[in-house]
Every structure is written in structure tokens, then in C-alpha cells.
PDB file of N, CA and C in Angstrom:
ATOM      1  N   MET A   1       6.159 -12.480  -4.138  1.00  0.00           N
ATOM      2  CA  MET A   1       7.649 -12.155  -3.965  1.00  0.00           C
ATOM      3  C   MET A   1       8.368 -13.179  -4.194  1.00  0.00           C
ATOM      4  N   LEU A   2       9.435 -12.651  -4.194  1.00  0.00           N
ATOM      5  CA  LEU A   2      10.504 -13.597  -4.769  1.00  0.00           C
ATOM      6  C   LEU A   2      10.909 -14.290  -3.365  1.00  0.00           C
ATOM      7  N   THR A   3      11.321 -15.501  -4.032  1.00  0.00           N
ATOM      8  CA  THR A   3      12.429 -16.299  -3.179  1.00  0.00           C
ATOM      9  C   THR A   3      13.194 -17.201  -3.792  1.00  0.00           C
ATOM     10  N   VAL A   4      14.378 -15.880  -3.745  1.00  0.00           N
ATOM     11  CA  VAL A   4      15.437 -16.180  -3.669  1.00  0.00           C
ATOM     12  C   VAL A   4      15.707 -16.155  -2.359  1.00  0.00           C
ATOM     13  N   THR A   5      17.344 -16.752  -1.810  1.00  0.00           N
ATOM     14  CA  THR A   5      17.267 -16.998  -0.695  1.00  0.00           C
ATOM     15  C   THR A   5      18.657 -15.761  -0.462  1.00  0.00           C
ATOM     16  N   ASP A   6      18.901 -15.158   0.708  1.00  0.00           N
ATOM     17  CA  ASP A   6      20.166 -14.004   1.111  1.00  0.00           C
ATOM     18  C   ASP A   6      20.889 -14.391   1.007  1.00  0.00           C
ATOM     19  N   ASP A   7      21.639 -15.639   0.988  1.00  0.00           N
ATOM     20  CA  ASP A   7      23.183 -16.057   0.535  1.00  0.00           C
ATOM     21  C   ASP A   7      23.510 -16.625  -0.574  1.00  0.00           C
ATOM     22  N   LYS A   8      22.429 -16.050  -1.655  1.00  0.00           N
ATOM     23  CA  LYS A   8      22.913 -16.999  -3.558  1.00  0.00           C
ATOM     24  C   LYS A   8      23.166 -15.489  -3.699  1.00  0.00           C
ATOM     25  N   LYS A   9      24.131 -16.385  -4.728  1.00  0.00           N
ATOM     26  CA  LYS A   9      25.177 -14.544  -4.976  1.00  0.00           C
ATOM     27  C   LYS A   9      24.417 -14.731  -6.881  1.00  0.00           C
ATOM     28  N   VAL A  10      24.450 -13.787  -6.731  1.00  0.00           N
ATOM     29  CA  VAL A  10      23.620 -13.350  -8.409  1.00  0.00           C
ATOM     30  C   VAL A  10      24.302 -14.081  -9.251  1.00  0.00           C
ATOM     31  N   SER A  11      25.545 -14.197  -9.449  1.00  0.00           N
ATOM     32  CA  SER A  11      26.354 -15.211 -10.599  1.00  0.00           C
ATOM     33  C   SER A  11      25.153 -16.944 -10.384  1.00  0.00           C
ATOM     34  N   GLU A  12      24.708 -16.916  -9.184  1.00  0.00           N
ATOM     35  CA  GLU A  12      23.937 -18.081  -9.227  1.00  0.00           C
ATOM     36  C   GLU A  12      22.285 -18.282  -9.882  1.00  0.00           C
ATOM     37  N   MET A  13      21.975 -16.874 -10.081  1.00  0.00           N
ATOM     38  CA  MET A  13      20.523 -16.749 -10.146  1.00  0.00           C
ATOM     39  C   MET A  13      20.087 -16.873 -11.736  1.00  0.00           C
ATOM     40  N   THR A  14      19.116 -17.446 -12.279  1.00  0.00           N
ATOM     41  CA  THR A  14      18.377 -17.577 -13.326  1.00  0.00           C
ATOM     42  C   THR A  14      18.380 -15.806 -14.286  1.00  0.00           C
ATOM     43  N   VAL A  15      18.464 -15.725 -15.027  1.00  0.00           N
ATOM     44  CA  VAL A  15      17.913 -14.503 -15.840  1.00  0.00           C
ATOM     45  C   VAL A  15      16.521 -13.821 -15.166  1.00  0.00           C
ATOM     46  N   LYS A  16      15.746 -15.110 -14.885  1.00  0.00           N
ATOM     47  CA  LYS A  16      14.149 -14.883 -14.917  1.00  0.00           C
ATOM     48  C   LYS A  16      14.293 -14.387 -12.755  1.00  0.00           C
ATOM     49  N   GLU A  17      15.232 -14.444 -12.474  1.00  0.00           N
ATOM     50  CA  GLU A  17      15.330 -14.749 -10.999  1.00  0.00           C
ATOM     51  C   GLU A  17      16.391 -13.253 -11.103  1.00  0.00           C
ATOM     52  N   LEU A  18      16.784 -12.717 -11.372  1.00  0.00           N
ATOM     53  CA  LEU A  18      17.762 -11.519 -11.373  1.00  0.00           C
ATOM     54  C   LEU A  18      16.250 -10.255 -11.338  1.00  0.00           C
ATOM     55  N   LYS A  19      16.070 -10.805 -13.118  1.00  0.00           N
ATOM     56  CA  LYS A  19      14.554  -9.439 -13.513  1.00  0.00           C
ATOM     57  C   LYS A  19      13.433  -9.279 -12.005  1.00  0.00           C
ATOM     58  N   GLU A  20      13.289 -10.987 -11.282  1.00  0.00           N
ATOM     59  CA  GLU A  20      12.250 -10.587 -10.697  1.00  0.00           C
ATOM     60  C   GLU A  20      12.558  -9.710  -9.103  1.00  0.00           C
ATOM     61  N   LEU A  21      13.734  -9.741  -8.988  1.00  0.00           N
ATOM     62  CA  LEU A  21      14.590  -9.474  -8.055  1.00  0.00           C
ATOM     63  C   LEU A  21      14.505  -7.458  -7.438  1.00  0.00           C
ATOM     64  N   ILE A  22      15.219  -7.345  -9.110  1.00  0.00           N
ATOM     65  CA  ILE A  22      15.061  -6.070  -9.622  1.00  0.00           C
ATOM     66  C   ILE A  22      13.771  -5.377  -9.943  1.00  0.00           C
ATOM     67  N   MET A  23      12.897  -6.168 -10.289  1.00  0.00           N
ATOM     68  CA  MET A  23      11.492  -5.562  -9.779  1.00  0.00           C
ATOM     69  C   MET A  23      11.260  -5.460  -8.389  1.00  0.00           C
ATOM     70  N   GLU A  24      10.918  -6.007  -7.288  1.00  0.00           N
ATOM     71  CA  GLU A  24      10.774  -6.207  -6.500  1.00  0.00           C
ATOM     72  C   GLU A  24      11.691  -5.217  -5.705  1.00  0.00           C
ATOM     73  N   VAL A  25      12.838  -5.170  -5.852  1.00  0.00           N
ATOM     74  CA  VAL A  25      13.603  -3.704  -5.682  1.00  0.00           C
ATOM     75  C   VAL A  25      13.359  -2.625  -5.904  1.00  0.00           C
ATOM     76  N   VAL A  26      12.801  -1.984  -7.062  1.00  0.00           N
ATOM     77  CA  VAL A  26      12.465  -1.231  -7.253  1.00  0.00           C
ATOM     78  C   VAL A  26      10.790  -0.874  -6.935  1.00  0.00           C
ATOM     79  N   GLN A  27       9.965  -2.103  -7.039  1.00  0.00           N
ATOM     80  CA  GLN A  27       8.997  -1.796  -6.416  1.00  0.00           C
ATOM     81  C   GLN A  27       8.891  -0.635  -4.756  1.00  0.00           C
ATOM     82  N   GLU A  28       9.763  -1.939  -4.101  1.00  0.00           N
ATOM     83  CA  GLU A  28       9.771  -1.314  -2.980  1.00  0.00           C
ATOM     84  C   GLU A  28      10.142  -0.472  -2.414  1.00  0.00           C
ATOM     85  N   ALA A  29      10.924   0.100  -3.222  1.00  0.00           N
ATOM     86  CA  ALA A  29      11.406   1.720  -3.265  1.00  0.00           C
ATOM     87  C   ALA A  29      10.718   2.830  -3.885  1.00  0.00           C
ATOM     88  N   ILE A  30      10.045   2.151  -4.025  1.00  0.00           N
ATOM     89  CA  ILE A  30       8.854   3.155  -4.893  1.00  0.00           C
ATOM     90  C   ILE A  30       7.811   3.490  -3.971  1.00  0.00           C
ATOM     91  N   ASP A  31       7.271   2.083  -3.143  1.00  0.00           N
ATOM     92  CA  ASP A  31       6.045   2.277  -2.788  1.00  0.00           C
ATOM     93  C   ASP A  31       6.757   1.117  -1.203  1.00  0.00           C
ATOM     94  N   PRO A  32       6.422   1.903  -0.129  1.00  0.00           N
ATOM     95  CA  PRO A  32       7.891   1.225   0.791  1.00  0.00           C
ATOM     96  C   PRO A  32       6.668  -0.428   1.951  1.00  0.00           C
ATOM     97  N   ASP A  33       5.148   0.214   1.281  1.00  0.00           N
ATOM     98  CA  ASP A  33       4.176  -0.442   1.547  1.00  0.00           C
ATOM     99  C   ASP A  33       4.316  -1.621   0.753  1.00  0.00           C
ATOM    100  N   PHE A  34       4.927  -2.056  -0.115  1.00  0.00           N
ATOM    101  CA  PHE A  34       4.750  -3.001  -1.111  1.00  0.00           C
ATOM    102  C   PHE A  34       4.623  -4.562  -0.248  1.00  0.00           C
ATOM    103  N   GLY A  35       3.871  -5.072  -0.790  1.00  0.00           N
ATOM    104  CA  GLY A  35       4.505  -6.985  -0.137  1.00  0.00           C
ATOM    105  C   GLY A  35       3.863  -6.934   1.039  1.00  0.00           C
ATOM    106  N   TYR A  36       3.035  -5.580   1.684  1.00  0.00           N
ATOM    107  CA  TYR A  36       2.056  -5.457   2.884  1.00  0.00           C
ATOM    108  C   TYR A  36       0.822  -5.929   2.094  1.00  0.00           C
ATOM    109  N   GLU A  37      -0.344  -6.820   3.486  1.00  0.00           N
ATOM    110  CA  GLU A  37      -1.175  -6.903   3.255  1.00  0.00           C
ATOM    111  C   GLU A  37      -2.133  -6.315   3.842  1.00  0.00           C
ATOM    112  N   LEU A  38      -3.638  -5.576   3.354  1.00  0.00           N
ATOM    113  CA  LEU A  38      -4.477  -5.015   4.773  1.00  0.00           C
ATOM    114  C   LEU A  38      -5.176  -6.351   5.476  1.00  0.00           C
ATOM    115  N   ARG A  39      -5.295  -5.745   6.641  1.00  0.00           N
ATOM    116  CA  ARG A  39      -5.850  -6.095   7.623  1.00  0.00           C
ATOM    117  C   ARG A  39      -7.150  -5.912   7.559  1.00  0.00           C
ATOM    118  N   ASP A  40      -7.946  -7.167   7.478  1.00  0.00           N
ATOM    119  CA  ASP A  40      -9.474  -6.978   7.986  1.00  0.00           C
ATOM    120  C   ASP A  40     -10.221  -6.320   8.200  1.00  0.00           C
ATOM    121  N   ASP A  41      -9.698  -5.474   9.366  1.00  0.00           N
ATOM    122  CA  ASP A  41     -10.018  -4.131  10.105  1.00  0.00           C
ATOM    123  C   ASP A  41     -10.140  -3.285   9.247  1.00  0.00           C
ATOM    124  N   PHE A  42      -8.855  -2.841   8.388  1.00  0.00           N
ATOM    125  CA  PHE A  42      -8.898  -1.616   7.894  1.00  0.00           C
ATOM    126  C   PHE A  42      -9.886  -2.181   7.008  1.00  0.00           C
ATOM    127  N   ILE A  43      -9.988  -2.986   6.113  1.00  0.00           N
ATOM    128  CA  ILE A  43     -10.893  -3.141   5.167  1.00  0.00           C
ATOM    129  C   ILE A  43     -12.649  -2.616   4.892  1.00  0.00           C
ATOM    130  N   GLU A  44     -12.849  -2.955   6.445  1.00  0.00           N
ATOM    131  CA  GLU A  44     -13.979  -2.782   6.740  1.00  0.00           C
ATOM    132  C   GLU A  44     -13.924  -0.757   6.635  1.00  0.00           C
ATOM    133  N   SER A  45     -13.119  -0.909   7.778  1.00  0.00           N
ATOM    134  CA  SER A  45     -13.075   0.684   8.116  1.00  0.00           C
ATOM    135  C   SER A  45     -13.112   1.581   6.519  1.00  0.00           C
ATOM    136  N   LEU A  46     -12.605   1.403   5.723  1.00  0.00           N
ATOM    137  CA  LEU A  46     -13.077   1.379   4.401  1.00  0.00           C
ATOM    138  C   LEU A  46     -13.785   1.114   3.662  1.00  0.00           C
ATOM    139  N   LYS A  47     -14.575   0.109   3.795  1.00  0.00           N
ATOM    140  CA  LYS A  47     -15.842  -0.114   3.573  1.00  0.00           C
ATOM    141  C   LYS A  47     -16.899   0.863   4.187  1.00  0.00           C
ATOM    142  N   GLU A  48     -16.953   0.883   5.274  1.00  0.00           N
ATOM    143  CA  GLU A  48     -17.491   1.974   5.917  1.00  0.00           C
ATOM    144  C   GLU A  48     -17.734   3.255   5.896  1.00  0.00           C
ATOM    145  N   ALA A  49     -16.188   4.128   5.206  1.00  0.00           N
ATOM    146  CA  ALA A  49     -16.495   5.114   4.769  1.00  0.00           C
ATOM    147  C   ALA A  49     -16.678   5.511   3.498  1.00  0.00           C
ATOM    148  N   GLU A  50     -16.941   4.479   2.954  1.00  0.00           N
ATOM    149  CA  GLU A  50     -17.308   4.609   1.674  1.00  0.00           C
ATOM    150  C   GLU A  50     -18.888   4.713   1.905  1.00  0.00           C
ATOM    151  N   ASN A  51     -19.828   3.744   2.403  1.00  0.00           N
ATOM    152  CA  ASN A  51     -21.044   4.154   2.421  1.00  0.00           C
ATOM    153  C   ASN A  51     -21.444   5.577   3.258  1.00  0.00           C
ATOM    154  N   ASP A  52     -20.202   5.738   3.810  1.00  0.00           N
ATOM    155  CA  ASP A  52     -20.337   7.458   4.547  1.00  0.00           C
ATOM    156  C   ASP A  52     -20.632   8.075   3.242  1.00  0.00           C
ATOM    157  N   ILE A  53     -20.187   8.036   2.665  1.00  0.00           N
ATOM    158  CA  ILE A  53     -19.676   9.314   1.425  1.00  0.00           C
ATOM    159  C   ILE A  53     -21.111   8.710   0.309  1.00  0.00           C
ATOM    160  N   LYS A  54     -21.047   8.209   0.456  1.00  0.00           N
ATOM    161  CA  LYS A  54     -22.601   7.310   0.059  1.00  0.00           C
ATOM    162  C   LYS A  54     -23.766   7.940   0.021  1.00  0.00           C
ATOM    163  N   ALA A  55     -23.841   8.066   1.842  1.00  0.00           N
ATOM    164  CA  ALA A  55     -24.693   8.199   2.273  1.00  0.00           C
ATOM    165  C   ALA A  55     -24.983  10.004   2.527  1.00  0.00           C
ATOM    166  N   GLY A  56     -23.638  10.454   2.245  1.00  0.00           N
ATOM    167  CA  GLY A  56     -23.400  12.151   2.304  1.00  0.00           C
ATOM    168  C   GLY A  56     -23.361  11.915   3.689  1.00  0.00           C
ATOM    169  N   ARG A  57     -23.195  11.073   4.399  1.00  0.00           N
ATOM    170  CA  ARG A  57     -22.278  11.825   6.114  1.00  0.00           C
ATOM    171  C   ARG A  57     -20.997  12.116   5.591  1.00  0.00           C
ATOM    172  N   VAL A  58     -20.711  13.054   5.013  1.00  0.00           N
ATOM    173  CA  VAL A  58     -18.718  13.899   4.966  1.00  0.00           C
ATOM    174  C   VAL A  58     -19.436  15.289   5.347  1.00  0.00           C
ATOM    175  N   TYR A  59     -18.124  16.365   5.277  1.00  0.00           N
ATOM    176  CA  TYR A  59     -17.723  17.471   5.495  1.00  0.00           C
ATOM    177  C   TYR A  59     -17.419  18.051   4.333  1.00  0.00           C
ATOM    178  N   THR A  60     -17.305  19.562   4.254  1.00  0.00           N
ATOM    179  CA  THR A  60     -16.138  19.751   3.444  1.00  0.00           C
ATOM    180  C   THR A  60     -14.930  20.682   4.243  1.00  0.00           C
ATOM    181  N   LEU A  61     -14.561  21.020   3.807  1.00  0.00           N
ATOM    182  CA  LEU A  61     -13.180  21.114   4.624  1.00  0.00           C
ATOM    183  C   LEU A  61     -13.052  22.641   4.990  1.00  0.00           C
ATOM    184  N   ASP A  62     -14.637  23.295   4.416  1.00  0.00           N
ATOM    185  CA  ASP A  62     -14.529  24.785   4.839  1.00  0.00           C
ATOM    186  C   ASP A  62     -16.020  24.409   6.064  1.00  0.00           C
ATOM    187  N   GLU A  63     -16.638  23.065   5.858  1.00  0.00           N
ATOM    188  CA  GLU A  63     -17.162  22.961   7.574  1.00  0.00           C
ATOM    189  C   GLU A  63     -16.769  22.795   8.118  1.00  0.00           C
ATOM    190  N   VAL A  64     -15.337  22.117   8.280  1.00  0.00           N
ATOM    191  CA  VAL A  64     -14.666  21.650   9.461  1.00  0.00           C
ATOM    192  C   VAL A  64     -13.941  22.920   9.733  1.00  0.00           C
ATOM    193  N   LYS A  65     -13.662  23.760   9.071  1.00  0.00           N
ATOM    194  CA  LYS A  65     -12.942  25.091   9.710  1.00  0.00           C
ATOM    195  C   LYS A  65     -13.659  25.772  10.030  1.00  0.00           C
ATOM    196  N   SER A  66     -15.109  26.064   9.641  1.00  0.00           N
ATOM    197  CA  SER A  66     -15.658  26.871  10.509  1.00  0.00           C
ATOM    198  C   SER A  66     -16.140  26.287  11.975  1.00  0.00           C
ATOM    199  N   GLU A  67     -16.366  25.188  11.391  1.00  0.00           N
ATOM    200  CA  GLU A  67     -16.660  24.152  13.167  1.00  0.00           C
ATOM    201  C   GLU A  67     -15.661  24.567  13.812  1.00  0.00           C
ATOM    202  N   LEU A  68     -14.224  24.043  13.539  1.00  0.00           N
ATOM    203  CA  LEU A  68     -13.171  24.658  14.491  1.00  0.00           C
ATOM    204  C   LEU A  68     -12.689  25.980  15.258  1.00  0.00           C
ATOM    205  N   GLY A  69     -13.148  26.504  13.900  1.00  0.00           N
ATOM    206  CA  GLY A  69     -13.107  28.390  13.893  1.00  0.00           C
ATOM    207  C   GLY A  69     -11.803  28.810  13.342  1.00  0.00           C
ATOM    208  N   LEU A  70     -12.113  28.455  12.080  1.00  0.00           N
ATOM    209  CA  LEU A  70     -10.197  28.160  12.161  1.00  0.00           C
ATOM    210  C   LEU A  70     -10.616  29.267  10.456  1.00  0.00           C
TER     211      LEU A  70
END
């Protein structure tokens, strides 16, 4: 993450700082979650889900629809 202060003017930035700022703004526009870290409990749930998939504990969309009567 860029460490430029909010009150710094573009004219006071180095070329490197300006490029970093532009890249950060573009990344934030493309990915609104940019810069956030995943919580440990979420990472654990992803690992559990991956283990379920490997163990075959999954359902197809058709199976779910059938179970719900859709």
C-alpha cells in the first residue's frame, strides 16, 4: 500500500510515488476488496470446503433443485 499522505500535492510527489498512486487507484476501481486481508476463520472455512470437495461431499445444481422441488 502507498504511504503518501492525503495532504501531499501531486506536484510534490516523485514519479515513483505518482505511479504507485495511479496503480493503487486502478486496482481499487477494478477490485473493491483490494487491500483487505482474509480473516483466519474465513481461510479455515475455505480449507474445509476444499476438503469437502475432495471427499465428494458436494451436490450438483440438479440434485439441489430436485431436493427443493424446483
